[in-house]
Amino acid sequence: MLGNEGTVPTGATRDDEPLRALSIEERATAPALPRRMPEIPSVAALMRSHLDMARPRSDAEALKILRQAFPAAPLAARVAAMADRAR
């Protein structure tokens, strides 16, 4: 015996108590939580929008701007964002 056998929850937890207090009809009409979180823009999309706002005059300036704004992003991601923007 370890001594922690009595700590295992056997009934309702605090999280589901409000739900258990609802009637079946109330549960059916309760607003459902969204199944999926809203999409977060990718780093490439953020880079493209940043370049659109900065309006660099050259590729070298664009790379410098992206390096300053996104220091952890690899060079390949910066170049890909520039190429996507040029299309």
PDB file of N, CA and C in Angstrom:
ATOM      1  N   MET A   1       0.842  -1.172   0.000  1.00  0.00           N
ATOM      2  CA  MET A   1       0.000   0.000   0.000  1.00  0.00           C
ATOM      3  C   MET A   1       0.888   1.236   0.000  1.00  0.00           C
ATOM      4  N   LEU A   2       0.636   2.147  -0.945  1.00  0.00           N
ATOM      5  CA  LEU A   2       1.439   3.347  -1.084  1.00  0.00           C
ATOM      6  C   LEU A   2       0.931   4.512  -0.249  1.00  0.00           C
ATOM      7  N   GLY A   3      -0.311   4.500   0.087  1.00  0.00           N
ATOM      8  CA  GLY A   3      -0.865   5.569   0.886  1.00  0.00           C
ATOM      9  C   GLY A   3      -1.609   6.625   0.078  1.00  0.00           C
ATOM     10  N   ASN A   4      -1.614   6.500  -1.248  1.00  0.00           N
ATOM     11  CA  ASN A   4      -2.309   7.497  -2.049  1.00  0.00           C
ATOM     12  C   ASN A   4      -3.528   6.924  -2.755  1.00  0.00           C
ATOM     13  N   GLU A   5      -3.990   5.761  -2.320  1.00  0.00           N
ATOM     14  CA  GLU A   5      -5.133   5.134  -2.974  1.00  0.00           C
ATOM     15  C   GLU A   5      -6.405   5.965  -2.820  1.00  0.00           C
ATOM     16  N   GLY A   6      -6.531   6.724  -1.763  1.00  0.00           N
ATOM     17  CA  GLY A   6      -7.730   7.518  -1.515  1.00  0.00           C
ATOM     18  C   GLY A   6      -7.773   8.813  -2.307  1.00  0.00           C
ATOM     19  N   THR A   7      -6.714   9.138  -3.032  1.00  0.00           N
ATOM     20  CA  THR A   7      -6.685  10.398  -3.763  1.00  0.00           C
ATOM     21  C   THR A   7      -7.205  10.283  -5.190  1.00  0.00           C
ATOM     22  N   VAL A   8      -7.544   9.116  -5.639  1.00  0.00           N
ATOM     23  CA  VAL A   8      -8.047   8.932  -6.998  1.00  0.00           C
ATOM     24  C   VAL A   8      -9.496   9.402  -7.049  1.00  0.00           C
ATOM     25  N   PRO A   9      -9.841  10.321  -7.958  1.00  0.00           N
ATOM     26  CA  PRO A   9     -11.226  10.806  -8.029  1.00  0.00           C
ATOM     27  C   PRO A   9     -12.163   9.683  -8.473  1.00  0.00           C
ATOM     28  N   THR A  10     -13.270   9.566  -7.773  1.00  0.00           N
ATOM     29  CA  THR A  10     -14.223   8.518  -8.109  1.00  0.00           C
ATOM     30  C   THR A  10     -15.517   9.057  -8.687  1.00  0.00           C
ATOM     31  N   GLY A  11     -15.787  10.324  -8.519  1.00  0.00           N
ATOM     32  CA  GLY A  11     -17.036  10.905  -9.000  1.00  0.00           C
ATOM     33  C   GLY A  11     -16.777  12.083  -9.908  1.00  0.00           C
ATOM     34  N   ALA A  12     -17.692  13.021  -9.852  1.00  0.00           N
ATOM     35  CA  ALA A  12     -17.574  14.213 -10.689  1.00  0.00           C
ATOM     36  C   ALA A  12     -16.436  15.092 -10.184  1.00  0.00           C
ATOM     37  N   THR A  13     -15.751  15.668 -11.105  1.00  0.00           N
ATOM     38  CA  THR A  13     -14.709  16.619 -10.741  1.00  0.00           C
ATOM     39  C   THR A  13     -15.276  18.021 -10.796  1.00  0.00           C
ATOM     40  N   ARG A  14     -14.524  18.979 -10.372  1.00  0.00           N
ATOM     41  CA  ARG A  14     -15.013  20.356 -10.386  1.00  0.00           C
ATOM     42  C   ARG A  14     -15.296  20.827 -11.810  1.00  0.00           C
ATOM     43  N   ASP A  15     -14.556  20.326 -12.784  1.00  0.00           N
ATOM     44  CA  ASP A  15     -14.728  20.784 -14.162  1.00  0.00           C
ATOM     45  C   ASP A  15     -16.073  20.390 -14.759  1.00  0.00           C
ATOM     46  N   ASP A  16     -16.574  19.218 -14.398  1.00  0.00           N
ATOM     47  CA  ASP A  16     -17.827  18.792 -15.022  1.00  0.00           C
ATOM     48  C   ASP A  16     -19.041  18.984 -14.122  1.00  0.00           C
ATOM     49  N   GLU A  17     -18.889  19.580 -12.962  1.00  0.00           N
ATOM     50  CA  GLU A  17     -20.043  19.811 -12.094  1.00  0.00           C
ATOM     51  C   GLU A  17     -21.069  20.750 -12.715  1.00  0.00           C
ATOM     52  N   PRO A  18     -20.684  21.883 -13.332  1.00  0.00           N
ATOM     53  CA  PRO A  18     -21.714  22.739 -13.943  1.00  0.00           C
ATOM     54  C   PRO A  18     -22.474  22.023 -15.051  1.00  0.00           C
ATOM     55  N   LEU A  19     -21.801  21.187 -15.813  1.00  0.00           N
ATOM     56  CA  LEU A  19     -22.460  20.448 -16.878  1.00  0.00           C
ATOM     57  C   LEU A  19     -23.439  19.424 -16.313  1.00  0.00           C
ATOM     58  N   ARG A  20     -23.071  18.787 -15.219  1.00  0.00           N
ATOM     59  CA  ARG A  20     -23.966  17.795 -14.619  1.00  0.00           C
ATOM     60  C   ARG A  20     -25.197  18.447 -14.025  1.00  0.00           C
ATOM     61  N   ALA A  21     -25.113  19.733 -13.668  1.00  0.00           N
ATOM     62  CA  ALA A  21     -26.262  20.417 -13.082  1.00  0.00           C
ATOM     63  C   ALA A  21     -27.311  20.772 -14.139  1.00  0.00           C
ATOM     64  N   LEU A  22     -26.931  20.764 -15.426  1.00  0.00           N
ATOM     65  CA  LEU A  22     -27.871  21.094 -16.492  1.00  0.00           C
ATOM     66  C   LEU A  22     -28.790  19.916 -16.796  1.00  0.00           C
ATOM     67  N   SER A  23     -29.995  20.228 -17.231  1.00  0.00           N
ATOM     68  CA  SER A  23     -30.901  19.167 -17.660  1.00  0.00           C
ATOM     69  C   SER A  23     -30.474  18.684 -19.046  1.00  0.00           C
ATOM     70  N   ILE A  24     -31.071  17.608 -19.506  1.00  0.00           N
ATOM     71  CA  ILE A  24     -30.735  17.054 -20.815  1.00  0.00           C
ATOM     72  C   ILE A  24     -31.049  18.068 -21.915  1.00  0.00           C
ATOM     73  N   GLU A  25     -32.177  18.768 -21.797  1.00  0.00           N
ATOM     74  CA  GLU A  25     -32.536  19.765 -22.794  1.00  0.00           C
ATOM     75  C   GLU A  25     -31.533  20.921 -22.803  1.00  0.00           C
ATOM     76  N   GLU A  26     -31.117  21.335 -21.624  1.00  0.00           N
ATOM     77  CA  GLU A  26     -30.153  22.430 -21.534  1.00  0.00           C
ATOM     78  C   GLU A  26     -28.787  22.011 -22.101  1.00  0.00           C
ATOM     79  N   ARG A  27     -28.415  20.768 -21.872  1.00  0.00           N
ATOM     80  CA  ARG A  27     -27.150  20.269 -22.423  1.00  0.00           C
ATOM     81  C   ARG A  27     -27.187  20.250 -23.944  1.00  0.00           C
ATOM     82  N   ALA A  28     -28.342  19.875 -24.504  1.00  0.00           N
ATOM     83  CA  ALA A  28     -28.459  19.776 -25.963  1.00  0.00           C
ATOM     84  C   ALA A  28     -28.411  21.154 -26.624  1.00  0.00           C
ATOM     85  N   THR A  29     -28.937  22.169 -25.939  1.00  0.00           N
ATOM     86  CA  THR A  29     -28.968  23.501 -26.536  1.00  0.00           C
ATOM     87  C   THR A  29     -27.804  24.386 -26.096  1.00  0.00           C
ATOM     88  N   ALA A  30     -26.947  23.884 -25.221  1.00  0.00           N
ATOM     89  CA  ALA A  30     -25.793  24.674 -24.767  1.00  0.00           C
ATOM     90  C   ALA A  30     -24.868  24.931 -25.951  1.00  0.00           C
ATOM     91  N   PRO A  31     -24.286  26.120 -26.019  1.00  0.00           N
ATOM     92  CA  PRO A  31     -23.386  26.401 -27.144  1.00  0.00           C
ATOM     93  C   PRO A  31     -22.182  25.467 -27.118  1.00  0.00           C
ATOM     94  N   ALA A  32     -21.909  24.904 -28.264  1.00  0.00           N
ATOM     95  CA  ALA A  32     -20.789  23.975 -28.360  1.00  0.00           C
ATOM     96  C   ALA A  32     -19.488  24.758 -28.495  1.00  0.00           C
ATOM     97  N   LEU A  33     -18.435  24.203 -27.967  1.00  0.00           N
ATOM     98  CA  LEU A  33     -17.124  24.813 -28.122  1.00  0.00           C
ATOM     99  C   LEU A  33     -16.632  24.568 -29.537  1.00  0.00           C
ATOM    100  N   PRO A  34     -15.893  25.495 -30.090  1.00  0.00           N
ATOM    101  CA  PRO A  34     -15.368  25.262 -31.441  1.00  0.00           C
ATOM    102  C   PRO A  34     -14.410  24.086 -31.430  1.00  0.00           C
ATOM    103  N   ARG A  35     -14.493  23.275 -32.461  1.00  0.00           N
ATOM    104  CA  ARG A  35     -13.642  22.095 -32.533  1.00  0.00           C
ATOM    105  C   ARG A  35     -12.211  22.446 -32.908  1.00  0.00           C
ATOM    106  N   ARG A  36     -12.041  23.547 -33.558  1.00  0.00           N
ATOM    107  CA  ARG A  36     -10.717  23.910 -34.044  1.00  0.00           C
ATOM    108  C   ARG A  36     -10.444  25.371 -33.699  1.00  0.00           C
ATOM    109  N   MET A  37      -9.241  25.644 -33.284  1.00  0.00           N
ATOM    110  CA  MET A  37      -8.846  27.021 -32.999  1.00  0.00           C
ATOM    111  C   MET A  37      -8.738  27.772 -34.326  1.00  0.00           C
ATOM    112  N   PRO A  38      -8.958  29.074 -34.319  1.00  0.00           N
ATOM    113  CA  PRO A  38      -8.774  29.833 -35.552  1.00  0.00           C
ATOM    114  C   PRO A  38      -7.331  29.703 -36.026  1.00  0.00           C
ATOM    115  N   GLU A  39      -7.171  29.701 -37.318  1.00  0.00           N
ATOM    116  CA  GLU A  39      -5.838  29.508 -37.862  1.00  0.00           C
ATOM    117  C   GLU A  39      -4.952  30.704 -37.562  1.00  0.00           C
ATOM    118  N   ILE A  40      -3.753  30.405 -37.154  1.00  0.00           N
ATOM    119  CA  ILE A  40      -2.757  31.427 -36.879  1.00  0.00           C
ATOM    120  C   ILE A  40      -1.940  31.603 -38.150  1.00  0.00           C
ATOM    121  N   PRO A  41      -1.698  32.826 -38.571  1.00  0.00           N
ATOM    122  CA  PRO A  41      -0.932  33.018 -39.805  1.00  0.00           C
ATOM    123  C   PRO A  41       0.455  32.394 -39.684  1.00  0.00           C
ATOM    124  N   SER A  42       0.911  31.819 -40.772  1.00  0.00           N
ATOM    125  CA  SER A  42       2.235  31.212 -40.765  1.00  0.00           C
ATOM    126  C   SER A  42       3.294  32.307 -40.708  1.00  0.00           C
ATOM    127  N   VAL A  43       4.504  31.900 -40.384  1.00  0.00           N
ATOM    128  CA  VAL A  43       5.607  32.853 -40.314  1.00  0.00           C
ATOM    129  C   VAL A  43       5.836  33.467 -41.690  1.00  0.00           C
ATOM    130  N   ALA A  44       5.715  32.666 -42.739  1.00  0.00           N
ATOM    131  CA  ALA A  44       5.911  33.189 -44.094  1.00  0.00           C
ATOM    132  C   ALA A  44       4.871  34.262 -44.414  1.00  0.00           C
ATOM    133  N   ALA A  45       3.626  34.032 -44.006  1.00  0.00           N
ATOM    134  CA  ALA A  45       2.580  35.035 -44.249  1.00  0.00           C
ATOM    135  C   ALA A  45       2.859  36.308 -43.456  1.00  0.00           C
ATOM    136  N   LEU A  46       3.344  36.161 -42.230  1.00  0.00           N
ATOM    137  CA  LEU A  46       3.697  37.332 -41.439  1.00  0.00           C
ATOM    138  C   LEU A  46       4.857  38.091 -42.071  1.00  0.00           C
ATOM    139  N   MET A  47       5.818  37.343 -42.603  1.00  0.00           N
ATOM    140  CA  MET A  47       6.955  37.989 -43.269  1.00  0.00           C
ATOM    141  C   MET A  47       6.496  38.754 -44.507  1.00  0.00           C
ATOM    142  N   ARG A  48       5.623  38.132 -45.303  1.00  0.00           N
ATOM    143  CA  ARG A  48       5.128  38.808 -46.506  1.00  0.00           C
ATOM    144  C   ARG A  48       4.397  40.097 -46.155  1.00  0.00           C
ATOM    145  N   SER A  49       3.540  40.032 -45.138  1.00  0.00           N
ATOM    146  CA  SER A  49       2.792  41.239 -44.764  1.00  0.00           C
ATOM    147  C   SER A  49       3.736  42.306 -44.195  1.00  0.00           C
ATOM    148  N   HIS A  50       4.772  41.875 -43.494  1.00  0.00           N
ATOM    149  CA  HIS A  50       5.751  42.830 -42.972  1.00  0.00           C
ATOM    150  C   HIS A  50       6.482  43.523 -44.123  1.00  0.00           C
ATOM    151  N   LEU A  51       6.834  42.748 -45.148  1.00  0.00           N
ATOM    152  CA  LEU A  51       7.496  43.344 -46.307  1.00  0.00           C
ATOM    153  C   LEU A  51       6.557  44.279 -47.068  1.00  0.00           C
ATOM    154  N   ASP A  52       5.281  43.934 -47.121  1.00  0.00           N
ATOM    155  CA  ASP A  52       4.308  44.811 -47.787  1.00  0.00           C
ATOM    156  C   ASP A  52       4.227  46.168 -47.091  1.00  0.00           C
ATOM    157  N   MET A  53       4.327  46.146 -45.767  1.00  0.00           N
ATOM    158  CA  MET A  53       4.265  47.407 -45.026  1.00  0.00           C
ATOM    159  C   MET A  53       5.581  48.184 -45.120  1.00  0.00           C
ATOM    160  N   ALA A  54       6.697  47.464 -45.119  1.00  0.00           N
ATOM    161  CA  ALA A  54       8.009  48.128 -45.120  1.00  0.00           C
ATOM    162  C   ALA A  54       8.395  48.658 -46.504  1.00  0.00           C
ATOM    163  N   ARG A  55       7.917  48.020 -47.540  1.00  0.00           N
ATOM    164  CA  ARG A  55       8.219  48.396 -48.929  1.00  0.00           C
ATOM    165  C   ARG A  55       9.718  48.586 -49.192  1.00  0.00           C
ATOM    166  N   PRO A  56      10.480  47.503 -49.078  1.00  0.00           N
ATOM    167  CA  PRO A  56      11.924  47.624 -49.323  1.00  0.00           C
ATOM    168  C   PRO A  56      12.201  47.930 -50.791  1.00  0.00           C
ATOM    169  N   ARG A  57      13.306  48.637 -51.040  1.00  0.00           N
ATOM    170  CA  ARG A  57      13.659  49.029 -52.407  1.00  0.00           C
ATOM    171  C   ARG A  57      14.512  47.986 -53.108  1.00  0.00           C
ATOM    172  N   SER A  58      15.116  47.072 -52.337  1.00  0.00           N
ATOM    173  CA  SER A  58      15.966  46.048 -52.950  1.00  0.00           C
ATOM    174  C   SER A  58      15.833  44.741 -52.171  1.00  0.00           C
ATOM    175  N   ASP A  59      16.336  43.669 -52.778  1.00  0.00           N
ATOM    176  CA  ASP A  59      16.320  42.375 -52.096  1.00  0.00           C
ATOM    177  C   ASP A  59      17.197  42.401 -50.845  1.00  0.00           C
ATOM    178  N   ALA A  60      18.323  43.090 -50.936  1.00  0.00           N
ATOM    179  CA  ALA A  60      19.219  43.174 -49.782  1.00  0.00           C
ATOM    180  C   ALA A  60      18.529  43.895 -48.619  1.00  0.00           C
ATOM    181  N   GLU A  61      17.810  44.949 -48.937  1.00  0.00           N
ATOM    182  CA  GLU A  61      17.085  45.678 -47.892  1.00  0.00           C
ATOM    183  C   GLU A  61      15.967  44.808 -47.318  1.00  0.00           C
ATOM    184  N   ALA A  62      15.302  44.040 -48.167  1.00  0.00           N
ATOM    185  CA  ALA A  62      14.238  43.147 -47.696  1.00  0.00           C
ATOM    186  C   ALA A  62      14.795  42.095 -46.749  1.00  0.00           C
ATOM    187  N   LEU A  63      15.946  41.519 -47.112  1.00  0.00           N
ATOM    188  CA  LEU A  63      16.557  40.523 -46.230  1.00  0.00           C
ATOM    189  C   LEU A  63      16.956  41.139 -44.899  1.00  0.00           C
ATOM    190  N   LYS A  64      17.474  42.343 -44.934  1.00  0.00           N
ATOM    191  CA  LYS A  64      17.869  43.031 -43.702  1.00  0.00           C
ATOM    192  C   LYS A  64      16.649  43.275 -42.819  1.00  0.00           C
ATOM    193  N   ILE A  65      15.560  43.725 -43.424  1.00  0.00           N
ATOM    194  CA  ILE A  65      14.326  43.994 -42.677  1.00  0.00           C
ATOM    195  C   ILE A  65      13.800  42.705 -42.042  1.00  0.00           C
ATOM    196  N   LEU A  66      13.789  41.623 -42.824  1.00  0.00           N
ATOM    197  CA  LEU A  66      13.290  40.351 -42.293  1.00  0.00           C
ATOM    198  C   LEU A  66      14.207  39.799 -41.206  1.00  0.00           C
ATOM    199  N   ARG A  67      15.512  39.975 -41.370  1.00  0.00           N
ATOM    200  CA  ARG A  67      16.455  39.486 -40.355  1.00  0.00           C
ATOM    201  C   ARG A  67      16.242  40.230 -39.042  1.00  0.00           C
ATOM    202  N   GLN A  68      15.960  41.529 -39.117  1.00  0.00           N
ATOM    203  CA  GLN A  68      15.722  42.306 -37.905  1.00  0.00           C
ATOM    204  C   GLN A  68      14.381  41.960 -37.256  1.00  0.00           C
ATOM    205  N   ALA A  69      13.374  41.749 -38.076  1.00  0.00           N
ATOM    206  CA  ALA A  69      12.029  41.486 -37.544  1.00  0.00           C
ATOM    207  C   ALA A  69      11.846  40.037 -37.098  1.00  0.00           C
ATOM    208  N   PHE A  70      12.519  39.107 -37.773  1.00  0.00           N
ATOM    209  CA  PHE A  70      12.373  37.683 -37.481  1.00  0.00           C
ATOM    210  C   PHE A  70      13.759  37.063 -37.296  1.00  0.00           C
ATOM    211  N   PRO A  71      14.431  37.355 -36.201  1.00  0.00           N
ATOM    212  CA  PRO A  71      15.812  36.893 -36.041  1.00  0.00           C
ATOM    213  C   PRO A  71      15.961  35.373 -35.944  1.00  0.00           C
ATOM    214  N   ALA A  72      14.940  34.678 -35.501  1.00  0.00           N
ATOM    215  CA  ALA A  72      15.044  33.225 -35.344  1.00  0.00           C
ATOM    216  C   ALA A  72      14.704  32.461 -36.621  1.00  0.00           C
ATOM    217  N   ALA A  73      14.139  33.144 -37.600  1.00  0.00           N
ATOM    218  CA  ALA A  73      13.750  32.475 -38.846  1.00  0.00           C
ATOM    219  C   ALA A  73      14.988  32.174 -39.688  1.00  0.00           C
ATOM    220  N   PRO A  74      15.028  30.995 -40.297  1.00  0.00           N
ATOM    221  CA  PRO A  74      16.173  30.664 -41.140  1.00  0.00           C
ATOM    222  C   PRO A  74      16.175  31.476 -42.440  1.00  0.00           C
ATOM    223  N   LEU A  75      17.342  31.562 -43.047  1.00  0.00           N
ATOM    224  CA  LEU A  75      17.498  32.318 -44.288  1.00  0.00           C
ATOM    225  C   LEU A  75      16.573  31.771 -45.373  1.00  0.00           C
ATOM    226  N   ALA A  76      16.417  30.462 -45.430  1.00  0.00           N
ATOM    227  CA  ALA A  76      15.550  29.859 -46.451  1.00  0.00           C
ATOM    228  C   ALA A  76      14.107  30.354 -46.320  1.00  0.00           C
ATOM    229  N   ALA A  77      13.634  30.530 -45.098  1.00  0.00           N
ATOM    230  CA  ALA A  77      12.264  31.017 -44.887  1.00  0.00           C
ATOM    231  C   ALA A  77      12.142  32.471 -45.334  1.00  0.00           C
ATOM    232  N   ARG A  78      13.177  33.254 -45.071  1.00  0.00           N
ATOM    233  CA  ARG A  78      13.148  34.665 -45.494  1.00  0.00           C
ATOM    234  C   ARG A  78      13.116  34.772 -47.015  1.00  0.00           C
ATOM    235  N   VAL A  79      13.955  33.970 -47.669  1.00  0.00           N
ATOM    236  CA  VAL A  79      14.010  34.002 -49.140  1.00  0.00           C
ATOM    237  C   VAL A  79      12.694  33.516 -49.725  1.00  0.00           C
ATOM    238  N   ALA A  80      12.109  32.474 -49.111  1.00  0.00           N
ATOM    239  CA  ALA A  80      10.817  31.961 -49.596  1.00  0.00           C
ATOM    240  C   ALA A  80       9.722  33.021 -49.461  1.00  0.00           C
ATOM    241  N   ALA A  81       9.723  33.768 -48.368  1.00  0.00           N
ATOM    242  CA  ALA A  81       8.731  34.830 -48.190  1.00  0.00           C
ATOM    243  C   ALA A  81       8.911  35.911 -49.250  1.00  0.00           C
ATOM    244  N   MET A  82      10.172  36.223 -49.574  1.00  0.00           N
ATOM    245  CA  MET A  82      10.435  37.221 -50.603  1.00  0.00           C
ATOM    246  C   MET A  82       9.969  36.722 -51.962  1.00  0.00           C
ATOM    247  N   ALA A  83      10.210  35.448 -52.236  1.00  0.00           N
ATOM    248  CA  ALA A  83       9.812  34.881 -53.539  1.00  0.00           C
ATOM    249  C   ALA A  83       8.289  34.829 -53.654  1.00  0.00           C
ATOM    250  N   ASP A  84       7.596  34.471 -52.577  1.00  0.00           N
ATOM    251  CA  ASP A  84       6.133  34.427 -52.599  1.00  0.00           C
ATOM    252  C   ASP A  84       5.560  35.816 -52.820  1.00  0.00           C
ATOM    253  N   ARG A  85       6.195  36.808 -52.253  1.00  0.00           N
ATOM    254  CA  ARG A  85       5.717  38.179 -52.384  1.00  0.00           C
ATOM    255  C   ARG A  85       5.907  38.706 -53.796  1.00  0.00           C
ATOM    256  N   ALA A  86       6.961  38.253 -54.479  1.00  0.00           N
ATOM    257  CA  ALA A  86       7.282  38.737 -55.827  1.00  0.00           C
ATOM    258  C   ALA A  86       6.310  38.199 -56.876  1.00  0.00           C
ATOM    259  N   ARG A  87       5.608  37.128 -56.559  1.00  0.00           N
ATOM    260  CA  ARG A  87       4.689  36.542 -57.547  1.00  0.00           C
ATOM    261  C   ARG A  87       3.548  37.424 -57.883  1.00  0.00           C
TER     262      ARG A  87
END
